[in-house]
PDB file of all heavy atoms in Angstrom:
ATOM      1  N   ASP A   1    -113.606  46.772-199.024  1.00  0.00           N
ATOM      2  CA  ASP A   1    -114.026  47.874-198.143  1.00  0.00           C
ATOM      3  C   ASP A   1    -115.557  47.962-198.051  1.00  0.00           C
ATOM      4  O   ASP A   1    -116.183  49.004-198.257  1.00  0.00           O
ATOM      5  CB  ASP A   1    -113.445  49.197-198.628  1.00  0.00           C
ATOM      6  CG  ASP A   1    -113.613  50.335-197.577  1.00  0.00           C
ATOM      7  OD1 ASP A   1    -113.793  49.975-196.373  1.00  0.00           O
ATOM      8  OD2 ASP A   1    -113.583  51.495-197.957  1.00  0.00           O
ATOM      9  N   ILE A   2    -116.178  46.770-197.790  1.00  0.00           N
ATOM     10  CA  ILE A   2    -117.636  46.713-197.676  1.00  0.00           C
ATOM     11  C   ILE A   2    -117.923  46.485-196.179  1.00  0.00           C
ATOM     12  O   ILE A   2    -117.448  45.515-195.573  1.00  0.00           O
ATOM     13  CB  ILE A   2    -118.237  45.582-198.500  1.00  0.00           C
ATOM     14  CG1 ILE A   2    -117.949  45.831-199.964  1.00  0.00           C
ATOM     15  CG2 ILE A   2    -119.734  45.455-198.267  1.00  0.00           C
ATOM     16  CD1 ILE A   2    -118.455  44.719-200.891  1.00  0.00           C
ATOM     17  N   PRO A   3    -118.717  47.346-195.542  1.00  0.00           N
ATOM     18  CA  PRO A   3    -118.960  47.175-194.084  1.00  0.00           C
ATOM     19  C   PRO A   3    -120.037  46.093-193.768  1.00  0.00           C
ATOM     20  O   PRO A   3    -121.200  46.344-193.706  1.00  0.00           O
ATOM     21  CB  PRO A   3    -119.522  48.568-193.698  1.00  0.00           C
ATOM     22  CG  PRO A   3    -120.136  49.067-194.960  1.00  0.00           C
ATOM     23  CD  PRO A   3    -119.343  48.547-196.104  1.00  0.00           C
ATOM     24  N   LEU A   4    -119.515  44.868-193.677  1.00  0.00           N
ATOM     25  CA  LEU A   4    -120.412  43.740-193.370  1.00  0.00           C
ATOM     26  C   LEU A   4    -120.427  43.502-191.829  1.00  0.00           C
ATOM     27  O   LEU A   4    -119.341  43.526-191.225  1.00  0.00           O
ATOM     28  CB  LEU A   4    -119.943  42.454-194.086  1.00  0.00           C
ATOM     29  CG  LEU A   4    -120.209  42.369-195.589  1.00  0.00           C
ATOM     30  CD1 LEU A   4    -119.612  41.083-196.112  1.00  0.00           C
ATOM     31  CD2 LEU A   4    -121.691  42.473-195.894  1.00  0.00           C
ATOM     32  N   PRO A   5    -121.584  43.185-191.254  1.00  0.00           N
ATOM     33  CA  PRO A   5    -121.601  42.772-189.843  1.00  0.00           C
ATOM     34  C   PRO A   5    -121.139  41.330-189.673  1.00  0.00           C
ATOM     35  O   PRO A   5    -121.942  40.414-189.751  1.00  0.00           O
ATOM     36  CB  PRO A   5    -123.075  42.940-189.509  1.00  0.00           C
ATOM     37  CG  PRO A   5    -123.831  42.778-190.778  1.00  0.00           C
ATOM     38  CD  PRO A   5    -122.926  43.290-191.861  1.00  0.00           C
ATOM     39  N   GLN A   6    -119.878  41.157-189.484  1.00  0.00           N
ATOM     40  CA  GLN A   6    -119.314  39.807-189.477  1.00  0.00           C
ATOM     41  C   GLN A   6    -119.824  38.926-188.354  1.00  0.00           C
ATOM     42  O   GLN A   6    -120.022  37.718-188.548  1.00  0.00           O
ATOM     43  CB  GLN A   6    -117.759  39.907-189.455  1.00  0.00           C
ATOM     44  CG  GLN A   6    -117.127  40.472-190.718  1.00  0.00           C
ATOM     45  CD  GLN A   6    -115.634  40.488-190.605  1.00  0.00           C
ATOM     46  OE1 GLN A   6    -115.052  40.857-189.560  1.00  0.00           O
ATOM     47  NE2 GLN A   6    -114.945  40.137-191.693  1.00  0.00           N
ATOM     48  N   SER A   7    -120.003  39.490-187.177  1.00  0.00           N
ATOM     49  CA  SER A   7    -120.412  38.657-186.023  1.00  0.00           C
ATOM     50  C   SER A   7    -121.693  37.904-186.272  1.00  0.00           C
ATOM     51  O   SER A   7    -121.784  36.673-186.131  1.00  0.00           O
ATOM     52  CB  SER A   7    -120.495  39.511-184.761  1.00  0.00           C
ATOM     53  OG  SER A   7    -119.212  40.054-184.465  1.00  0.00           O
ATOM     54  N   PRO A   8    -122.848  38.574-186.605  1.00  0.00           N
ATOM     55  CA  PRO A   8    -124.068  37.817-186.848  1.00  0.00           C
ATOM     56  C   PRO A   8    -123.972  36.892-188.058  1.00  0.00           C
ATOM     57  O   PRO A   8    -124.545  35.827-188.055  1.00  0.00           O
ATOM     58  CB  PRO A   8    -125.136  38.931-187.056  1.00  0.00           C
ATOM     59  CG  PRO A   8    -124.343  40.129-187.449  1.00  0.00           C
ATOM     60  CD  PRO A   8    -123.041  40.039-186.741  1.00  0.00           C
ATOM     61  N   LEU A   9    -123.247  37.347-189.086  1.00  0.00           N
ATOM     62  CA  LEU A   9    -123.078  36.464-190.269  1.00  0.00           C
ATOM     63  C   LEU A   9    -122.317  35.186-189.906  1.00  0.00           C
ATOM     64  O   LEU A   9    -122.738  34.067-190.281  1.00  0.00           O
ATOM     65  CB  LEU A   9    -122.413  37.214-191.360  1.00  0.00           C
ATOM     66  CG  LEU A   9    -123.178  38.384-192.006  1.00  0.00           C
ATOM     67  CD1 LEU A   9    -122.349  39.031-193.085  1.00  0.00           C
ATOM     68  CD2 LEU A   9    -124.502  37.925-192.564  1.00  0.00           C
ATOM     69  N   LEU A  10    -121.231  35.295-189.200  1.00  0.00           N
ATOM     70  CA  LEU A  10    -120.469  34.093-188.814  1.00  0.00           C
ATOM     71  C   LEU A  10    -121.288  33.242-187.808  1.00  0.00           C
ATOM     72  O   LEU A  10    -121.159  32.021-187.823  1.00  0.00           O
ATOM     73  CB  LEU A  10    -119.174  34.515-188.185  1.00  0.00           C
ATOM     74  CG  LEU A  10    -118.106  35.171-189.142  1.00  0.00           C
ATOM     75  CD1 LEU A  10    -116.875  35.615-188.370  1.00  0.00           C
ATOM     76  CD2 LEU A  10    -117.737  34.168-190.217  1.00  0.00           C
ATOM     77  N   GLY A  11    -122.104  33.890-187.005  1.00  0.00           N
ATOM     78  CA  GLY A  11    -122.955  33.130-186.079  1.00  0.00           C
ATOM     79  C   GLY A  11    -123.970  32.270-186.877  1.00  0.00           C
ATOM     80  O   GLY A  11    -124.189  31.094-186.518  1.00  0.00           O
ATOM     81  N   ILE A  12    -124.577  32.875-187.905  1.00  0.00           N
ATOM     82  CA  ILE A  12    -125.542  32.129-188.713  1.00  0.00           C
ATOM     83  C   ILE A  12    -124.850  30.996-189.434  1.00  0.00           C
ATOM     84  O   ILE A  12    -125.333  29.827-189.501  1.00  0.00           O
ATOM     85  CB  ILE A  12    -126.174  33.083-189.751  1.00  0.00           C
ATOM     86  CG1 ILE A  12    -127.033  34.098-189.033  1.00  0.00           C
ATOM     87  CG2 ILE A  12    -127.062  32.319-190.739  1.00  0.00           C
ATOM     88  CD1 ILE A  12    -127.523  35.244-189.923  1.00  0.00           C
ATOM     89  N   ILE A  13    -123.611  31.267-189.952  1.00  0.00           N
ATOM     90  CA  ILE A  13    -122.857  30.170-190.663  1.00  0.00           C
ATOM     91  C   ILE A  13    -122.519  29.088-189.647  1.00  0.00           C
ATOM     92  O   ILE A  13    -122.563  27.863-189.960  1.00  0.00           O
ATOM     93  CB  ILE A  13    -121.609  30.780-191.280  1.00  0.00           C
ATOM     94  CG1 ILE A  13    -121.963  31.751-192.380  1.00  0.00           C
ATOM     95  CG2 ILE A  13    -120.688  29.689-191.810  1.00  0.00           C
ATOM     96  CD1 ILE A  13    -120.786  32.550-192.951  1.00  0.00           C
ATOM     97  N   GLY A  14    -122.123  29.456-188.396  1.00  0.00           N
ATOM     98  CA  GLY A  14    -121.791  28.410-187.419  1.00  0.00           C
ATOM     99  C   GLY A  14    -122.988  27.526-187.083  1.00  0.00           C
ATOM    100  O   GLY A  14    -122.860  26.301-186.971  1.00  0.00           O
ATOM    101  N   VAL A  15    -124.158  28.131-186.915  1.00  0.00           N
ATOM    102  CA  VAL A  15    -125.385  27.345-186.589  1.00  0.00           C
ATOM    103  C   VAL A  15    -125.708  26.415-187.770  1.00  0.00           C
ATOM    104  O   VAL A  15    -126.027  25.246-187.561  1.00  0.00           O
ATOM    105  CB  VAL A  15    -126.552  28.286-186.268  1.00  0.00           C
ATOM    106  CG1 VAL A  15    -127.831  27.494-186.150  1.00  0.00           C
ATOM    107  CG2 VAL A  15    -126.281  29.090-184.994  1.00  0.00           C
ATOM    108  N   ALA A  16    -125.583  26.960-189.010  1.00  0.00           N
ATOM    109  CA  ALA A  16    -125.862  26.145-190.194  1.00  0.00           C
ATOM    110  C   ALA A  16    -124.880  25.001-190.303  1.00  0.00           C
ATOM    111  O   ALA A  16    -125.231  23.870-190.646  1.00  0.00           O
ATOM    112  CB  ALA A  16    -125.808  26.990-191.451  1.00  0.00           C
ATOM    113  N   ALA A  17    -123.583  25.226-189.979  1.00  0.00           N
ATOM    114  CA  ALA A  17    -122.613  24.153-190.016  1.00  0.00           C
ATOM    115  C   ALA A  17    -122.872  23.089-188.988  1.00  0.00           C
ATOM    116  O   ALA A  17    -122.740  21.895-189.271  1.00  0.00           O
ATOM    117  CB  ALA A  17    -121.193  24.756-189.861  1.00  0.00           C
ATOM    118  N   LEU A  18    -123.243  23.529-187.741  1.00  0.00           N
ATOM    119  CA  LEU A  18    -123.562  22.553-186.730  1.00  0.00           C
ATOM    120  C   LEU A  18    -124.767  21.738-187.114  1.00  0.00           C
ATOM    121  O   LEU A  18    -124.771  20.474-186.946  1.00  0.00           O
ATOM    122  CB  LEU A  18    -123.845  23.296-185.428  1.00  0.00           C
ATOM    123  CG  LEU A  18    -124.268  22.413-184.208  1.00  0.00           C
ATOM    124  CD1 LEU A  18    -123.184  21.408-183.878  1.00  0.00           C
ATOM    125  CD2 LEU A  18    -124.599  23.256-183.010  1.00  0.00           C
ATOM    126  N   PHE A  19    -125.779  22.349-187.701  1.00  0.00           N
ATOM    127  CA  PHE A  19    -126.975  21.633-188.115  1.00  0.00           C
ATOM    128  C   PHE A  19    -126.615  20.672-189.225  1.00  0.00           C
ATOM    129  O   PHE A  19    -127.059  19.528-189.235  1.00  0.00           O
ATOM    130  CB  PHE A  19    -128.006  22.632-188.616  1.00  0.00           C
ATOM    131  CG  PHE A  19    -129.229  21.992-189.202  1.00  0.00           C
ATOM    132  CD1 PHE A  19    -130.229  21.482-188.394  1.00  0.00           C
ATOM    133  CD2 PHE A  19    -129.389  21.935-190.582  1.00  0.00           C
ATOM    134  CE1 PHE A  19    -131.360  20.882-188.946  1.00  0.00           C
ATOM    135  CE2 PHE A  19    -130.501  21.316-191.113  1.00  0.00           C
ATOM    136  CZ  PHE A  19    -131.495  20.794-190.336  1.00  0.00           C
ATOM    137  N   ASN A  20    -125.770  21.100-190.170  1.00  0.00           N
ATOM    138  CA  ASN A  20    -125.405  20.231-191.278  1.00  0.00           C
ATOM    139  C   ASN A  20    -124.593  19.005-190.789  1.00  0.00           C
ATOM    140  O   ASN A  20    -124.739  17.894-191.308  1.00  0.00           O
ATOM    141  CB  ASN A  20    -124.570  20.993-192.309  1.00  0.00           C
ATOM    142  CG  ASN A  20    -124.621  20.385-193.674  1.00  0.00           C
ATOM    143  OD1 ASN A  20    -125.666  19.994-194.138  1.00  0.00           O
ATOM    144  ND2 ASN A  20    -123.479  20.318-194.360  1.00  0.00           N
ATOM    145  N   GLY A  21    -123.760  19.222-189.765  1.00  0.00           N
ATOM    146  CA  GLY A  21    -123.003  18.118-189.211  1.00  0.00           C
ATOM    147  C   GLY A  21    -123.918  17.067-188.556  1.00  0.00           C
ATOM    148  O   GLY A  21    -123.705  15.871-188.689  1.00  0.00           O
ATOM    149  N   LEU A  22    -124.920  17.549-187.828  1.00  0.00           N
ATOM    150  CA  LEU A  22    -125.871  16.655-187.217  1.00  0.00           C
ATOM    151  C   LEU A  22    -126.650  15.838-188.287  1.00  0.00           C
ATOM    152  O   LEU A  22    -126.886  14.628-188.119  1.00  0.00           O
ATOM    153  CB  LEU A  22    -126.812  17.386-186.317  1.00  0.00           C
ATOM    154  CG  LEU A  22    -126.195  18.069-185.086  1.00  0.00           C
ATOM    155  CD1 LEU A  22    -127.239  18.898-184.354  1.00  0.00           C
ATOM    156  CD2 LEU A  22    -125.664  16.957-184.116  1.00  0.00           C
ATOM    157  N   VAL A  23    -127.077  16.553-189.339  1.00  0.00           N
ATOM    158  CA  VAL A  23    -127.778  15.850-190.399  1.00  0.00           C
ATOM    159  C   VAL A  23    -126.895  14.790-191.082  1.00  0.00           C
ATOM    160  O   VAL A  23    -127.365  13.669-191.332  1.00  0.00           O
ATOM    161  CB  VAL A  23    -128.286  16.884-191.440  1.00  0.00           C
ATOM    162  CG1 VAL A  23    -128.925  16.161-192.659  1.00  0.00           C
ATOM    163  CG2 VAL A  23    -129.302  17.803-190.802  1.00  0.00           C
ATOM    164  N   GLN A  24    -125.646  15.142-191.315  1.00  0.00           N
ATOM    165  CA  GLN A  24    -124.717  14.196-191.935  1.00  0.00           C
ATOM    166  C   GLN A  24    -124.531  12.968-191.038  1.00  0.00           C
ATOM    167  O   GLN A  24    -124.473  11.793-191.541  1.00  0.00           O
ATOM    168  CB  GLN A  24    -123.380  14.843-192.218  1.00  0.00           C
ATOM    169  CG  GLN A  24    -122.436  13.984-193.000  1.00  0.00           C
ATOM    170  CD  GLN A  24    -121.164  14.743-193.401  1.00  0.00           C
ATOM    171  OE1 GLN A  24    -120.646  15.500-192.579  1.00  0.00           O
ATOM    172  NE2 GLN A  24    -120.680  14.590-194.604  1.00  0.00           N
ATOM    173  N   TRP A  25    -124.377  13.151-189.737  1.00  0.00           N
ATOM    174  CA  TRP A  25    -124.234  12.043-188.832  1.00  0.00           C
ATOM    175  C   TRP A  25    -125.450  11.131-188.835  1.00  0.00           C
ATOM    176  O   TRP A  25    -125.365   9.908-188.833  1.00  0.00           O
ATOM    177  CB  TRP A  25    -124.022  12.577-187.440  1.00  0.00           C
ATOM    178  CG  TRP A  25    -123.979  11.511-186.372  1.00  0.00           C
ATOM    179  CD1 TRP A  25    -122.946  10.646-186.069  1.00  0.00           C
ATOM    180  CD2 TRP A  25    -125.042  11.128-185.484  1.00  0.00           C
ATOM    181  NE1 TRP A  25    -123.281   9.779-185.069  1.00  0.00           N
ATOM    182  CE2 TRP A  25    -124.571  10.059-184.667  1.00  0.00           C
ATOM    183  CE3 TRP A  25    -126.309  11.605-185.307  1.00  0.00           C
ATOM    184  CZ2 TRP A  25    -125.379   9.480-183.715  1.00  0.00           C
ATOM    185  CZ3 TRP A  25    -127.104  11.001-184.340  1.00  0.00           C
ATOM    186  CH2 TRP A  25    -126.649   9.932-183.570  1.00  0.00           C
ATOM    187  N   ARG A  26    -126.676  11.730-188.921  1.00  0.00           N
ATOM    188  CA  ARG A  26    -127.872  10.945-188.959  1.00  0.00           C
ATOM    189  C   ARG A  26    -127.980  10.125-190.284  1.00  0.00           C
ATOM    190  O   ARG A  26    -128.377   8.977-190.274  1.00  0.00           O
ATOM    191  CB  ARG A  26    -129.114  11.814-188.827  1.00  0.00           C
ATOM    192  CG  ARG A  26    -130.424  11.069-188.831  1.00  0.00           C
ATOM    193  CD  ARG A  26    -131.536  11.889-189.382  1.00  0.00           C
ATOM    194  NE  ARG A  26    -132.680  11.058-189.682  1.00  0.00           N
ATOM    195  CZ  ARG A  26    -132.895  10.474-190.806  1.00  0.00           C
ATOM    196  NH1 ARG A  26    -132.017  10.596-191.757  1.00  0.00           N
ATOM    197  NH2 ARG A  26    -133.952   9.727-191.032  1.00  0.00           N
ATOM    198  N   LEU A  27    -127.605  10.783-191.369  1.00  0.00           N
ATOM    199  CA  LEU A  27    -127.710  10.134-192.664  1.00  0.00           C
ATOM    200  C   LEU A  27    -126.758   8.940-192.811  1.00  0.00           C
ATOM    201  O   LEU A  27    -127.035   8.003-193.495  1.00  0.00           O
ATOM    202  CB  LEU A  27    -127.484  11.126-193.824  1.00  0.00           C
ATOM    203  CG  LEU A  27    -128.511  12.245-193.978  1.00  0.00           C
ATOM    204  CD1 LEU A  27    -128.111  13.144-195.117  1.00  0.00           C
ATOM    205  CD2 LEU A  27    -129.886  11.651-194.256  1.00  0.00           C
ATOM    206  N   ARG A  28    -125.664   8.963-192.083  1.00  0.00           N
ATOM    207  CA  ARG A  28    -124.709   7.812-192.154  1.00  0.00           C
ATOM    208  C   ARG A  28    -125.368   6.584-191.541  1.00  0.00           C
ATOM    209  O   ARG A  28    -124.994   5.460-191.924  1.00  0.00           O
ATOM    210  CB  ARG A  28    -123.420   8.182-191.386  1.00  0.00           C
ATOM    211  CG  ARG A  28    -122.527   9.158-192.136  1.00  0.00           C
ATOM    212  CD  ARG A  28    -121.310   9.483-191.343  1.00  0.00           C
ATOM    213  NE  ARG A  28    -120.415  10.429-192.029  1.00  0.00           N
ATOM    214  CZ  ARG A  28    -119.346  10.975-191.487  1.00  0.00           C
ATOM    215  NH1 ARG A  28    -119.006  10.699-190.219  1.00  0.00           N
ATOM    216  NH2 ARG A  28    -118.574  11.799-192.215  1.00  0.00           N
ATOM    217  N   GLN A  29    -126.253   6.779-190.601  1.00  0.00           N
ATOM    218  CA  GLN A  29    -126.891   5.626-189.960  1.00  0.00           C
ATOM    219  C   GLN A  29    -128.222   5.256-190.597  1.00  0.00           C
ATOM    220  O   GLN A  29    -128.803   4.238-190.264  1.00  0.00           O
ATOM    221  CB  GLN A  29    -127.091   5.932-188.490  1.00  0.00           C
ATOM    222  CG  GLN A  29    -125.839   6.272-187.713  1.00  0.00           C
ATOM    223  CD  GLN A  29    -126.114   6.647-186.285  1.00  0.00           C
ATOM    224  OE1 GLN A  29    -127.244   6.823-185.889  1.00  0.00           O
ATOM    225  NE2 GLN A  29    -125.016   6.808-185.525  1.00  0.00           N
ATOM    226  N   ALA A  30    -128.746   6.137-191.470  1.00  0.00           N
ATOM    227  CA  ALA A  30    -130.067   5.901-192.061  1.00  0.00           C
ATOM    228  C   ALA A  30    -129.955   4.952-193.277  1.00  0.00           C
ATOM    229  O   ALA A  30    -128.975   4.881-193.960  1.00  0.00           O
ATOM    230  CB  ALA A  30    -130.707   7.195-192.509  1.00  0.00           C
ATOM    231  N   SER A  31    -131.051   4.174-193.450  1.00  0.00           N
ATOM    232  CA  SER A  31    -131.142   3.285-194.648  1.00  0.00           C
ATOM    233  C   SER A  31    -132.145   3.780-195.614  1.00  0.00           C
ATOM    234  O   SER A  31    -132.297   3.213-196.693  1.00  0.00           O
ATOM    235  CB  SER A  31    -131.505   1.859-194.176  1.00  0.00           C
ATOM    236  OG  SER A  31    -132.765   1.885-193.447  1.00  0.00           O
ATOM    237  N   SER A  32    -132.918   4.796-195.264  1.00  0.00           N
ATOM    238  CA  SER A  32    -133.910   5.364-196.167  1.00  0.00           C
ATOM    239  C   SER A  32    -134.263   6.734-195.700  1.00  0.00           C
ATOM    240  O   SER A  32    -133.829   7.188-194.649  1.00  0.00           O
ATOM    241  CB  SER A  32    -135.180   4.458-196.183  1.00  0.00           C
ATOM    242  OG  SER A  32    -136.173   4.972-197.094  1.00  0.00           O
ATOM    243  N   ALA A  33    -135.027   7.498-196.535  1.00  0.00           N
ATOM    244  CA  ALA A  33    -135.477   8.814-196.203  1.00  0.00           C
ATOM    245  C   ALA A  33    -136.783   9.107-196.925  1.00  0.00           C
ATOM    246  O   ALA A  33    -137.188   8.361-197.810  1.00  0.00           O
ATOM    247  CB  ALA A  33    -134.418   9.857-196.599  1.00  0.00           C
ATOM    248  N   THR A  34    -137.431  10.154-196.485  1.00  0.00           N
ATOM    249  CA  THR A  34    -138.729  10.509-197.126  1.00  0.00           C
ATOM    250  C   THR A  34    -138.636  11.862-197.794  1.00  0.00           C
ATOM    251  O   THR A  34    -137.683  12.632-197.572  1.00  0.00           O
ATOM    252  CB  THR A  34    -139.822  10.602-196.026  1.00  0.00           C
ATOM    253  OG1 THR A  34    -139.512  11.635-195.117  1.00  0.00           O
ATOM    254  CG2 THR A  34    -139.907   9.265-195.249  1.00  0.00           C
ATOM    255  N   SER A  35    -139.605  12.138-198.604  1.00  0.00           N
ATOM    256  CA  SER A  35    -139.642  13.447-199.282  1.00  0.00           C
ATOM    257  C   SER A  35    -139.834  14.593-198.299  1.00  0.00           C
ATOM    258  O   SER A  35    -139.372  15.692-198.552  1.00  0.00           O
ATOM    259  CB  SER A  35    -140.767  13.471-200.299  1.00  0.00           C
ATOM    260  OG  SER A  35    -142.009  13.279-199.661  1.00  0.00           O
ATOM    261  N   HIS A  36    -140.484  14.342-197.173  1.00  0.00           N
ATOM    262  CA  HIS A  36    -140.673  15.389-196.145  1.00  0.00           C
ATOM    263  C   HIS A  36    -139.343  15.812-195.553  1.00  0.00           C
ATOM    264  O   HIS A  36    -139.162  16.981-195.243  1.00  0.00           O
ATOM    265  CB  HIS A  36    -141.595  14.922-195.077  1.00  0.00           C
ATOM    266  CG  HIS A  36    -143.002  14.566-195.597  1.00  0.00           C
ATOM    267  ND1 HIS A  36    -143.859  15.529-196.061  1.00  0.00           N
ATOM    268  CD2 HIS A  36    -143.649  13.428-195.661  1.00  0.00           C
ATOM    269  CE1 HIS A  36    -144.983  14.978-196.426  1.00  0.00           C
ATOM    270  NE2 HIS A  36    -144.863  13.651-196.194  1.00  0.00           N
ATOM    271  N   GLU A  37    -138.404  14.865-195.369  1.00  0.00           N
ATOM    272  CA  GLU A  37    -137.050  15.220-194.869  1.00  0.00           C
ATOM    273  C   GLU A  37    -136.357  16.129-195.854  1.00  0.00           C
ATOM    274  O   GLU A  37    -135.705  17.089-195.456  1.00  0.00           O
ATOM    275  CB  GLU A  37    -136.271  13.963-194.580  1.00  0.00           C
ATOM    276  CG  GLU A  37    -136.811  13.144-193.419  1.00  0.00           C
ATOM    277  CD  GLU A  37    -136.028  11.890-193.170  1.00  0.00           C
ATOM    278  OE1 GLU A  37    -134.950  12.016-192.466  1.00  0.00           O
ATOM    279  OE2 GLU A  37    -136.324  10.829-193.712  1.00  0.00           O
ATOM    280  N   LEU A  38    -136.425  15.725-197.116  1.00  0.00           N
ATOM    281  CA  LEU A  38    -135.767  16.606-198.131  1.00  0.00           C
ATOM    282  C   LEU A  38    -136.418  17.962-198.199  1.00  0.00           C
ATOM    283  O   LEU A  38    -135.721  18.984-198.312  1.00  0.00           O
ATOM    284  CB  LEU A  38    -135.803  15.901-199.492  1.00  0.00           C
ATOM    285  CG  LEU A  38    -135.124  16.621-200.659  1.00  0.00           C
ATOM    286  CD1 LEU A  38    -133.614  16.842-200.346  1.00  0.00           C
ATOM    287  CD2 LEU A  38    -135.253  15.762-201.923  1.00  0.00           C
ATOM    288  N   LEU A  39    -137.747  18.028-198.079  1.00  0.00           N
ATOM    289  CA  LEU A  39    -138.455  19.332-198.022  1.00  0.00           C
ATOM    290  C   LEU A  39    -137.968  20.165-196.901  1.00  0.00           C
ATOM    291  O   LEU A  39    -137.704  21.392-197.046  1.00  0.00           O
ATOM    292  CB  LEU A  39    -139.967  19.076-197.969  1.00  0.00           C
ATOM    293  CG  LEU A  39    -140.837  20.294-197.736  1.00  0.00           C
ATOM    294  CD1 LEU A  39    -140.695  21.280-198.855  1.00  0.00           C
ATOM    295  CD2 LEU A  39    -142.303  19.874-197.547  1.00  0.00           C
ATOM    296  N   SER A  40    -137.843  19.584-195.712  1.00  0.00           N
ATOM    297  CA  SER A  40    -137.418  20.353-194.557  1.00  0.00           C
ATOM    298  C   SER A  40    -135.998  20.877-194.695  1.00  0.00           C
ATOM    299  O   SER A  40    -135.677  21.983-194.283  1.00  0.00           O
ATOM    300  CB  SER A  40    -137.520  19.455-193.299  1.00  0.00           C
ATOM    301  OG  SER A  40    -136.647  18.365-193.347  1.00  0.00           O
ATOM    302  N   GLN A  41    -135.103  20.110-195.368  1.00  0.00           N
ATOM    303  CA  GLN A  41    -133.750  20.551-195.553  1.00  0.00           C
ATOM    304  C   GLN A  41    -133.715  21.753-196.535  1.00  0.00           C
ATOM    305  O   GLN A  41    -132.937  22.666-196.336  1.00  0.00           O
ATOM    306  CB  GLN A  41    -132.905  19.410-196.076  1.00  0.00           C
ATOM    307  CG  GLN A  41    -132.696  18.265-195.114  1.00  0.00           C
ATOM    308  CD  GLN A  41    -131.969  18.711-193.861  1.00  0.00           C
ATOM    309  OE1 GLN A  41    -130.935  19.363-193.907  1.00  0.00           O
ATOM    310  NE2 GLN A  41    -132.457  18.286-192.704  1.00  0.00           N
TER     311      GLN A  41
END
């Protein structure tokens, strides 16, 4: 019985999941990475 604003929270989670999927797709094709990429993540 905690009044959470579900719509914006689920929207943030959806954007984060979409972003994580794109990153995972890119990493499957990558052969190396830099510290700047890890910093940005």
